[in-house]
Amino acid sequence: MPRWGVCATVKAPVDQVLAFAAHHLDLGANRIWLHFDDPADPAADAVAGLRRITPIRCDEAYWAKVAGRRPPTHQLRQFRNVARVYRRTDMDFVAHFDVDEFLIANTPVPEILADLPEQRAVLRVEPWEALHDPGLPDDIFTARHFRRGLAVEDVAAVERVFGPYAPLLPRGMLSHTVGKCFFRTGVDGMMPNIHGARIAGERVFGGRFHPDLALLHFHAQDPERWTRGLEFRLSKGAYQFLPALQAHLLKADAEGIAAFYAAVQVATPATLTALYQAGLLREVALGLREKVEALLARGR
């Protein structure tokens, strides 16, 4: 069966990094590469020596070898990191996820990868955004309900879910709708990227999302963390590519931002019903704290 690994560039609290690693190891990943954007990150010490985890401190010496100097944006650093792993690994497939993204599978991942036609170099995984539910017990990344985006713009469906905020979210998602990928290794000329790949400079079509895979994205399920990161997302992150959303949030005061979040991100009965009726809802309990405890109990 194919062996697979997960590559990530991380800058997050220790418990979140452990949750990301523990979940994907529990799912069966053979190797996890954690690139610490801050070389002094205490999370690097927390995972050091844990089996099947390779921590990489992205210090000046690392970047001098990989790129000559540290790339100026986090997107370019992610690209460089996954490209380096891809060139060096002995895994059959490498996936690139963020620390707030959690793969789930209806079928064992190696079986899915084994069934992929040899000519397919890329396998796409559909993102599902986590909703905020203040009644849930803390699970590091805490959510039970997740919504998918729309394959094409469906004004009526978006209006039923988001009401007056529908024009700001034409695809029904706050963050990316293109998903993330598994990359088949050993492909001549392959250059993996954050959301796709190129072969000999030509963009690779990864096909449809695999029906047995999903990527649970904790993009905005934590209202405090979302609010703290909003300025970055509006200026340098995902929201700069959603001009209507960007313009609305830039003009909104604190009360307006809170109202937007409550209408768009909170798992109210009305929101859940609208998502369910539109076929855009799934419920998953990840049990991340239990997985972290099991990871640490296995030791180094």
Foldseek 3Di string as FASTA:
>chain_A
DFAEEEEEEDDDDLLLQLLLVLQVVVLPHQAYEYEYQALVHVNLVVCPPQPRYHYHDCDQVNCCVQPNGDDPDPQVVLLSRVQVCLVPDPGQKYWYDYSQKHKDFPDRPVVVVVPDDPVQFKAFAFEWEFFAEVVDDDQVLDGFKTFAWAPAFDQVLLCQQQPPCSVLCRRLDPADGLGIIMGGGPDAQWRAGGRFIDRVNHTDDNDDHDPGMHMYGHQCRDPVVCVVCVVCCLPPNGCVVRVVNSVQVVPDDPVSVVVSSVRRGHPDVSNVVSRVVVVTMDTDDSNSVVSSVVSPVVPD
